[in-house]
């Protein structure tokens, strides 16, 4: 799968409530780290993420992670 545009060179930590979220894979969303539909017409699709319990999440914003949608430290090599 191709890597998206770098939206930021750092992850964002968020306290997430249970629910379904859609992580932006293309890097073009103005609502990072979540999808706003900017991928339309491209090869990218958002990644559905189901959060079962309240938890802190480090969302990848560099879009280079090998563990989407979560940060794996790839931004350190940019």
PDB file of N, CA and C in Angstrom:
ATOM      1  N   UNK A   1       0.832  -1.175   0.000  1.00  0.00           N
ATOM      2  CA  UNK A   1       0.000   0.000   0.000  1.00  0.00           C
ATOM      3  C   UNK A   1       0.882   1.245   0.000  1.00  0.00           C
ATOM      4  N   UNK A   2       0.588   2.227  -0.830  1.00  0.00           N
ATOM      5  CA  UNK A   2       1.399   3.445  -0.863  1.00  0.00           C
ATOM      6  C   UNK A   2       1.223   4.260   0.418  1.00  0.00           C
ATOM      7  N   UNK A   3       2.211   5.056   0.715  1.00  0.00           N
ATOM      8  CA  UNK A   3       2.174   5.910   1.900  1.00  0.00           C
ATOM      9  C   UNK A   3       1.580   7.262   1.526  1.00  0.00           C
ATOM     10  N   UNK A   4       0.848   7.848   2.453  1.00  0.00           N
ATOM     11  CA  UNK A   4       0.199   9.126   2.223  1.00  0.00           C
ATOM     12  C   UNK A   4       1.148  10.310   2.382  1.00  0.00           C
ATOM     13  N   UNK A   5       0.627  11.481   2.111  1.00  0.00           N
ATOM     14  CA  UNK A   5       1.338  12.747   2.270  1.00  0.00           C
ATOM     15  C   UNK A   5       1.594  12.989   3.756  1.00  0.00           C
ATOM     16  N   UNK A   6       2.768  13.487   4.081  1.00  0.00           N
ATOM     17  CA  UNK A   6       3.113  13.765   5.470  1.00  0.00           C
ATOM     18  C   UNK A   6       2.286  14.961   5.950  1.00  0.00           C
ATOM     19  N   UNK A   7       1.402  14.716   6.897  1.00  0.00           N
ATOM     20  CA  UNK A   7       0.567  15.780   7.451  1.00  0.00           C
ATOM     21  C   UNK A   7       1.297  16.502   8.584  1.00  0.00           C
ATOM     22  N   UNK A   8       2.111  15.784   9.333  1.00  0.00           N
ATOM     23  CA  UNK A   8       2.919  16.350  10.425  1.00  0.00           C
ATOM     24  C   UNK A   8       4.022  15.356  10.751  1.00  0.00           C
ATOM     25  N   UNK A   9       5.124  15.846  11.283  1.00  0.00           N
ATOM     26  CA  UNK A   9       6.249  14.973  11.609  1.00  0.00           C
ATOM     27  C   UNK A   9       6.250  14.564  13.067  1.00  0.00           C
ATOM     28  N   UNK A  10       5.044  14.426  13.612  1.00  0.00           N
ATOM     29  CA  UNK A  10       4.887  13.951  14.978  1.00  0.00           C
ATOM     30  C   UNK A  10       3.501  13.334  15.113  1.00  0.00           C
ATOM     31  N   UNK A  11       3.368  12.391  16.045  1.00  0.00           N
ATOM     32  CA  UNK A  11       2.037  11.821  16.286  1.00  0.00           C
ATOM     33  C   UNK A  11       1.201  12.792  17.113  1.00  0.00           C
ATOM     34  N   UNK A  12      -0.053  12.476  17.258  1.00  0.00           N
ATOM     35  CA  UNK A  12      -0.907  13.246  18.160  1.00  0.00           C
ATOM     36  C   UNK A  12      -1.513  12.262  19.157  1.00  0.00           C
ATOM     37  N   UNK A  13      -1.371  12.581  20.445  1.00  0.00           N
ATOM     38  CA  UNK A  13      -1.936  11.739  21.484  1.00  0.00           C
ATOM     39  C   UNK A  13      -3.309  12.293  21.829  1.00  0.00           C
ATOM     40  N   UNK A  14      -4.300  11.401  21.824  1.00  0.00           N
ATOM     41  CA  UNK A  14      -5.657  11.804  22.148  1.00  0.00           C
ATOM     42  C   UNK A  14      -6.275  10.796  23.096  1.00  0.00           C
ATOM     43  N   UNK A  15      -7.048  11.284  24.030  1.00  0.00           N
ATOM     44  CA  UNK A  15      -7.828  10.430  24.929  1.00  0.00           C
ATOM     45  C   UNK A  15      -9.118  10.096  24.176  1.00  0.00           C
ATOM     46  N   UNK A  16      -9.266   8.846  23.778  1.00  0.00           N
ATOM     47  CA  UNK A  16     -10.380   8.442  22.923  1.00  0.00           C
ATOM     48  C   UNK A  16     -11.488   7.779  23.727  1.00  0.00           C
ATOM     49  N   UNK A  17     -12.695   8.118  23.364  1.00  0.00           N
ATOM     50  CA  UNK A  17     -13.888   7.497  23.926  1.00  0.00           C
ATOM     51  C   UNK A  17     -14.260   6.293  23.060  1.00  0.00           C
ATOM     52  N   UNK A  18     -14.983   5.332  23.582  1.00  0.00           N
ATOM     53  CA  UNK A  18     -15.413   4.202  22.759  1.00  0.00           C
ATOM     54  C   UNK A  18     -16.203   4.690  21.546  1.00  0.00           C
ATOM     55  N   UNK A  19     -15.954   4.056  20.424  1.00  0.00           N
ATOM     56  CA  UNK A  19     -16.649   4.422  19.196  1.00  0.00           C
ATOM     57  C   UNK A  19     -15.862   3.990  17.982  1.00  0.00           C
ATOM     58  N   UNK A  20     -16.359   4.355  16.811  1.00  0.00           N
ATOM     59  CA  UNK A  20     -15.715   4.043  15.540  1.00  0.00           C
ATOM     60  C   UNK A  20     -15.156   5.322  14.958  1.00  0.00           C
ATOM     61  N   UNK A  21     -13.891   5.270  14.555  1.00  0.00           N
ATOM     62  CA  UNK A  21     -13.184   6.420  14.007  1.00  0.00           C
ATOM     63  C   UNK A  21     -12.597   6.034  12.652  1.00  0.00           C
ATOM     64  N   UNK A  22     -12.365   7.041  11.819  1.00  0.00           N
ATOM     65  CA  UNK A  22     -11.789   6.808  10.490  1.00  0.00           C
ATOM     66  C   UNK A  22     -10.521   7.637  10.356  1.00  0.00           C
ATOM     67  N   UNK A  23      -9.385   6.937  10.392  1.00  0.00           N
ATOM     68  CA  UNK A  23      -8.070   7.565  10.317  1.00  0.00           C
ATOM     69  C   UNK A  23      -7.759   7.934   8.877  1.00  0.00           C
ATOM     70  N   UNK A  24      -7.279   9.140   8.675  1.00  0.00           N
ATOM     71  CA  UNK A  24      -6.886   9.610   7.346  1.00  0.00           C
ATOM     72  C   UNK A  24      -5.611   8.901   6.912  1.00  0.00           C
ATOM     73  N   UNK A  25      -5.673   8.205   5.779  1.00  0.00           N
ATOM     74  CA  UNK A  25      -4.503   7.509   5.241  1.00  0.00           C
ATOM     75  C   UNK A  25      -3.783   8.329   4.176  1.00  0.00           C
ATOM     76  N   UNK A  26      -4.492   9.273   3.551  1.00  0.00           N
ATOM     77  CA  UNK A  26      -3.912  10.033   2.435  1.00  0.00           C
ATOM     78  C   UNK A  26      -3.048  11.198   2.898  1.00  0.00           C
ATOM     79  N   UNK A  27      -3.304  11.721   4.102  1.00  0.00           N
ATOM     80  CA  UNK A  27      -2.547  12.852   4.620  1.00  0.00           C
ATOM     81  C   UNK A  27      -3.090  14.205   4.210  1.00  0.00           C
ATOM     82  N   UNK A  28      -4.183  14.234   3.469  1.00  0.00           N
ATOM     83  CA  UNK A  28      -4.719  15.503   2.958  1.00  0.00           C
ATOM     84  C   UNK A  28      -5.854  16.080   3.790  1.00  0.00           C
ATOM     85  N   UNK A  29      -6.358  15.339   4.739  1.00  0.00           N
ATOM     86  CA  UNK A  29      -7.479  15.803   5.554  1.00  0.00           C
ATOM     87  C   UNK A  29      -7.126  17.061   6.341  1.00  0.00           C
ATOM     88  N   UNK A  30      -8.065  17.972   6.430  1.00  0.00           N
ATOM     89  CA  UNK A  30      -7.896  19.161   7.267  1.00  0.00           C
ATOM     90  C   UNK A  30      -8.335  18.887   8.694  1.00  0.00           C
ATOM     91  N   UNK A  31      -8.736  17.644   8.961  1.00  0.00           N
ATOM     92  CA  UNK A  31      -9.217  17.237  10.282  1.00  0.00           C
ATOM     93  C   UNK A  31      -8.312  16.133  10.850  1.00  0.00           C
ATOM     94  N   UNK A  32      -6.994  16.284  10.696  1.00  0.00           N
ATOM     95  CA  UNK A  32      -6.044  15.259  11.131  1.00  0.00           C
ATOM     96  C   UNK A  32      -6.228  14.939  12.611  1.00  0.00           C
ATOM     97  N   UNK A  33      -6.145  13.680  12.995  1.00  0.00           N
ATOM     98  CA  UNK A  33      -5.724  12.537  12.202  1.00  0.00           C
ATOM     99  C   UNK A  33      -6.883  11.814  11.512  1.00  0.00           C
ATOM    100  N   UNK A  34      -8.049  12.443  11.500  1.00  0.00           N
ATOM    101  CA  UNK A  34      -9.245  11.776  10.993  1.00  0.00           C
ATOM    102  C   UNK A  34      -9.588  12.201   9.573  1.00  0.00           C
ATOM    103  N   UNK A  35     -10.313  11.352   8.893  1.00  0.00           N
ATOM    104  CA  UNK A  35     -10.702  11.565   7.499  1.00  0.00           C
ATOM    105  C   UNK A  35     -11.772  12.649   7.386  1.00  0.00           C
ATOM    106  N   UNK A  36     -11.621  13.494   6.367  1.00  0.00           N
ATOM    107  CA  UNK A  36     -12.660  14.473   6.035  1.00  0.00           C
ATOM    108  C   UNK A  36     -13.135  14.316   4.591  1.00  0.00           C
ATOM    109  N   UNK A  37     -12.730  13.210   3.943  1.00  0.00           N
ATOM    110  CA  UNK A  37     -13.158  12.949   2.573  1.00  0.00           C
ATOM    111  C   UNK A  37     -12.198  13.464   1.517  1.00  0.00           C
ATOM    112  N   UNK A  38     -11.081  14.049   1.915  1.00  0.00           N
ATOM    113  CA  UNK A  38     -10.126  14.608   0.948  1.00  0.00           C
ATOM    114  C   UNK A  38      -9.488  13.561   0.043  1.00  0.00           C
ATOM    115  N   UNK A  39      -9.588  12.296   0.396  1.00  0.00           N
ATOM    116  CA  UNK A  39      -9.003  11.218  -0.399  1.00  0.00           C
ATOM    117  C   UNK A  39      -9.807  10.899  -1.667  1.00  0.00           C
ATOM    118  N   UNK A  40     -11.014  11.404  -1.755  1.00  0.00           N
ATOM    119  CA  UNK A  40     -11.887  11.050  -2.875  1.00  0.00           C
ATOM    120  C   UNK A  40     -11.178  11.277  -4.202  1.00  0.00           C
ATOM    121  N   UNK A  41     -11.263  10.276  -5.087  1.00  0.00           N
ATOM    122  CA  UNK A  41     -10.603  10.339  -6.387  1.00  0.00           C
ATOM    123  C   UNK A  41      -9.167   9.862  -6.355  1.00  0.00           C
ATOM    124  N   UNK A  42      -8.685   9.417  -5.193  1.00  0.00           N
ATOM    125  CA  UNK A  42      -7.313   8.917  -5.078  1.00  0.00           C
ATOM    126  C   UNK A  42      -7.347   7.422  -4.779  1.00  0.00           C
ATOM    127  N   UNK A  43      -6.185   6.847  -4.630  1.00  0.00           N
ATOM    128  CA  UNK A  43      -6.071   5.418  -4.329  1.00  0.00           C
ATOM    129  C   UNK A  43      -6.221   5.123  -2.834  1.00  0.00           C
ATOM    130  N   UNK A  44      -6.388   6.151  -2.032  1.00  0.00           N
ATOM    131  CA  UNK A  44      -6.447   5.988  -0.583  1.00  0.00           C
ATOM    132  C   UNK A  44      -7.872   5.832  -0.069  1.00  0.00           C
ATOM    133  N   UNK A  45      -7.994   5.095   1.016  1.00  0.00           N
ATOM    134  CA  UNK A  45      -9.252   4.988   1.756  1.00  0.00           C
ATOM    135  C   UNK A  45      -8.917   5.095   3.239  1.00  0.00           C
ATOM    136  N   UNK A  46      -9.810   5.676   4.020  1.00  0.00           N
ATOM    137  CA  UNK A  46      -9.533   5.800   5.453  1.00  0.00           C
ATOM    138  C   UNK A  46      -9.546   4.428   6.131  1.00  0.00           C
ATOM    139  N   UNK A  47      -8.862   4.347   7.251  1.00  0.00           N
ATOM    140  CA  UNK A  47      -8.818   3.098   8.015  1.00  0.00           C
ATOM    141  C   UNK A  47      -9.806   3.196   9.162  1.00  0.00           C
ATOM    142  N   UNK A  48     -10.734   2.255   9.197  1.00  0.00           N
ATOM    143  CA  UNK A  48     -11.708   2.199  10.281  1.00  0.00           C
ATOM    144  C   UNK A  48     -11.043   1.653  11.535  1.00  0.00           C
ATOM    145  N   UNK A  49     -11.266   2.339  12.657  1.00  0.00           N
ATOM    146  CA  UNK A  49     -10.698   1.937  13.943  1.00  0.00           C
ATOM    147  C   UNK A  49     -11.817   1.919  14.970  1.00  0.00           C
ATOM    148  N   UNK A  50     -11.979   0.785  15.629  1.00  0.00           N
ATOM    149  CA  UNK A  50     -12.992   0.662  16.676  1.00  0.00           C
ATOM    150  C   UNK A  50     -12.292   0.704  18.028  1.00  0.00           C
ATOM    151  N   UNK A  51     -12.666   1.680  18.825  1.00  0.00           N
ATOM    152  CA  UNK A  51     -12.137   1.822  20.183  1.00  0.00           C
ATOM    153  C   UNK A  51     -13.183   1.227  21.119  1.00  0.00           C
ATOM    154  N   UNK A  52     -12.779   0.254  21.903  1.00  0.00           N
ATOM    155  CA  UNK A  52     -13.710  -0.471  22.775  1.00  0.00           C
ATOM    156  C   UNK A  52     -13.846   0.146  24.167  1.00  0.00           C
ATOM    157  N   UNK A  53     -12.781   0.817  24.625  1.00  0.00           N
ATOM    158  CA  UNK A  53     -12.803   1.406  25.963  1.00  0.00           C
ATOM    159  C   UNK A  53     -12.015   2.711  25.943  1.00  0.00           C
ATOM    160  N   UNK A  54     -12.242   3.579  26.909  1.00  0.00           N
ATOM    161  CA  UNK A  54     -11.514   4.834  26.993  1.00  0.00           C
ATOM    162  C   UNK A  54     -10.021   4.525  27.064  1.00  0.00           C
ATOM    163  N   UNK A  55      -9.244   5.165  26.197  1.00  0.00           N
ATOM    164  CA  UNK A  55      -7.802   4.926  26.186  1.00  0.00           C
ATOM    165  C   UNK A  55      -7.073   6.064  25.491  1.00  0.00           C
ATOM    166  N   UNK A  56      -5.795   6.213  25.816  1.00  0.00           N
ATOM    167  CA  UNK A  56      -4.933   7.167  25.134  1.00  0.00           C
ATOM    168  C   UNK A  56      -4.390   6.503  23.887  1.00  0.00           C
ATOM    169  N   UNK A  57      -4.440   7.231  22.776  1.00  0.00           N
ATOM    170  CA  UNK A  57      -3.979   6.695  21.498  1.00  0.00           C
ATOM    171  C   UNK A  57      -2.987   7.671  20.881  1.00  0.00           C
ATOM    172  N   UNK A  58      -1.883   7.156  20.369  1.00  0.00           N
ATOM    173  CA  UNK A  58      -0.934   7.962  19.612  1.00  0.00           C
ATOM    174  C   UNK A  58      -1.212   7.712  18.130  1.00  0.00           C
ATOM    175  N   UNK A  59      -1.952   8.637  17.517  1.00  0.00           N
ATOM    176  CA  UNK A  59      -2.312   8.526  16.106  1.00  0.00           C
ATOM    177  C   UNK A  59      -1.151   8.998  15.235  1.00  0.00           C
ATOM    178  N   UNK A  60      -0.841   8.239  14.203  1.00  0.00           N
ATOM    179  CA  UNK A  60       0.193   8.634  13.250  1.00  0.00           C
ATOM    180  C   UNK A  60      -0.314   9.781  12.382  1.00  0.00           C
ATOM    181  N   UNK A  61       0.524  10.817  12.228  1.00  0.00           N
ATOM    182  CA  UNK A  61       0.198  11.911  11.309  1.00  0.00           C
ATOM    183  C   UNK A  61       1.203  12.009  10.175  1.00  0.00           C
ATOM    184  N   UNK A  62       2.323  11.273  10.269  1.00  0.00           N
ATOM    185  CA  UNK A  62       3.300  11.316   9.173  1.00  0.00           C
ATOM    186  C   UNK A  62       2.896  10.383   8.030  1.00  0.00           C
ATOM    187  N   UNK A  63       1.993   9.457   8.303  1.00  0.00           N
ATOM    188  CA  UNK A  63       1.445   8.513   7.317  1.00  0.00           C
ATOM    189  C   UNK A  63       2.481   7.519   6.801  1.00  0.00           C
ATOM    190  N   UNK A  64       3.616   7.412   7.487  1.00  0.00           N
ATOM    191  CA  UNK A  64       4.671   6.495   7.067  1.00  0.00           C
ATOM    192  C   UNK A  64       4.748   5.262   7.970  1.00  0.00           C
ATOM    193  N   UNK A  65       3.882   5.166   8.961  1.00  0.00           N
ATOM    194  CA  UNK A  65       3.905   4.074   9.925  1.00  0.00           C
ATOM    195  C   UNK A  65       3.717   2.703   9.262  1.00  0.00           C
ATOM    196  N   UNK A  66       4.315   1.712   9.853  1.00  0.00           N
ATOM    197  CA  UNK A  66       4.097   0.329   9.420  1.00  0.00           C
ATOM    198  C   UNK A  66       2.973  -0.311  10.223  1.00  0.00           C
ATOM    199  N   UNK A  67       2.375   0.460  11.140  1.00  0.00           N
ATOM    200  CA  UNK A  67       1.312  -0.031  12.000  1.00  0.00           C
ATOM    201  C   UNK A  67       0.120   0.933  11.970  1.00  0.00           C
ATOM    202  N   UNK A  68      -0.400   1.221  10.763  1.00  0.00           N
ATOM    203  CA  UNK A  68      -1.487   2.205  10.688  1.00  0.00           C
ATOM    204  C   UNK A  68      -2.718   1.749  11.460  1.00  0.00           C
ATOM    205  N   UNK A  69      -3.333   2.646  12.174  1.00  0.00           N
ATOM    206  CA  UNK A  69      -3.210   4.093  12.201  1.00  0.00           C
ATOM    207  C   UNK A  69      -2.330   4.613  13.329  1.00  0.00           C
ATOM    208  N   UNK A  70      -1.602   3.724  13.974  1.00  0.00           N
ATOM    209  CA  UNK A  70      -0.871   4.097  15.180  1.00  0.00           C
ATOM    210  C   UNK A  70       0.583   4.436  14.882  1.00  0.00           C
ATOM    211  N   UNK A  71       1.126   5.349  15.663  1.00  0.00           N
ATOM    212  CA  UNK A  71       2.513   5.771  15.503  1.00  0.00           C
ATOM    213  C   UNK A  71       3.449   4.607  15.834  1.00  0.00           C
ATOM    214  N   UNK A  72       4.455   4.424  14.985  1.00  0.00           N
ATOM    215  CA  UNK A  72       5.495   3.430  15.265  1.00  0.00           C
ATOM    216  C   UNK A  72       6.884   4.068  15.314  1.00  0.00           C
ATOM    217  N   UNK A  73       6.909   5.406  15.340  1.00  0.00           N
ATOM    218  CA  UNK A  73       8.180   6.127  15.399  1.00  0.00           C
ATOM    219  C   UNK A  73       8.779   6.440  14.048  1.00  0.00           C
ATOM    220  N   UNK A  74       8.094   6.117  12.954  1.00  0.00           N
ATOM    221  CA  UNK A  74       8.624   6.376  11.610  1.00  0.00           C
ATOM    222  C   UNK A  74       8.949   7.845  11.385  1.00  0.00           C
ATOM    223  N   UNK A  75       8.228   8.739  12.060  1.00  0.00           N
ATOM    224  CA  UNK A  75       8.467  10.179  11.891  1.00  0.00           C
ATOM    225  C   UNK A  75       9.888  10.572  12.295  1.00  0.00           C
ATOM    226  N   UNK A  76      10.530   9.760  13.144  1.00  0.00           N
ATOM    227  CA  UNK A  76      11.904  10.071  13.572  1.00  0.00           C
ATOM    228  C   UNK A  76      12.913   9.948  12.434  1.00  0.00           C
ATOM    229  N   UNK A  77      12.550   9.268  11.351  1.00  0.00           N
ATOM    230  CA  UNK A  77      13.461   9.069  10.222  1.00  0.00           C
ATOM    231  C   UNK A  77      13.188  10.032   9.076  1.00  0.00           C
ATOM    232  N   UNK A  78      12.268  10.962   9.268  1.00  0.00           N
ATOM    233  CA  UNK A  78      11.933  11.896   8.175  1.00  0.00           C
ATOM    234  C   UNK A  78      12.846  13.101   8.167  1.00  0.00           C
TER     235      UNK A  78
END
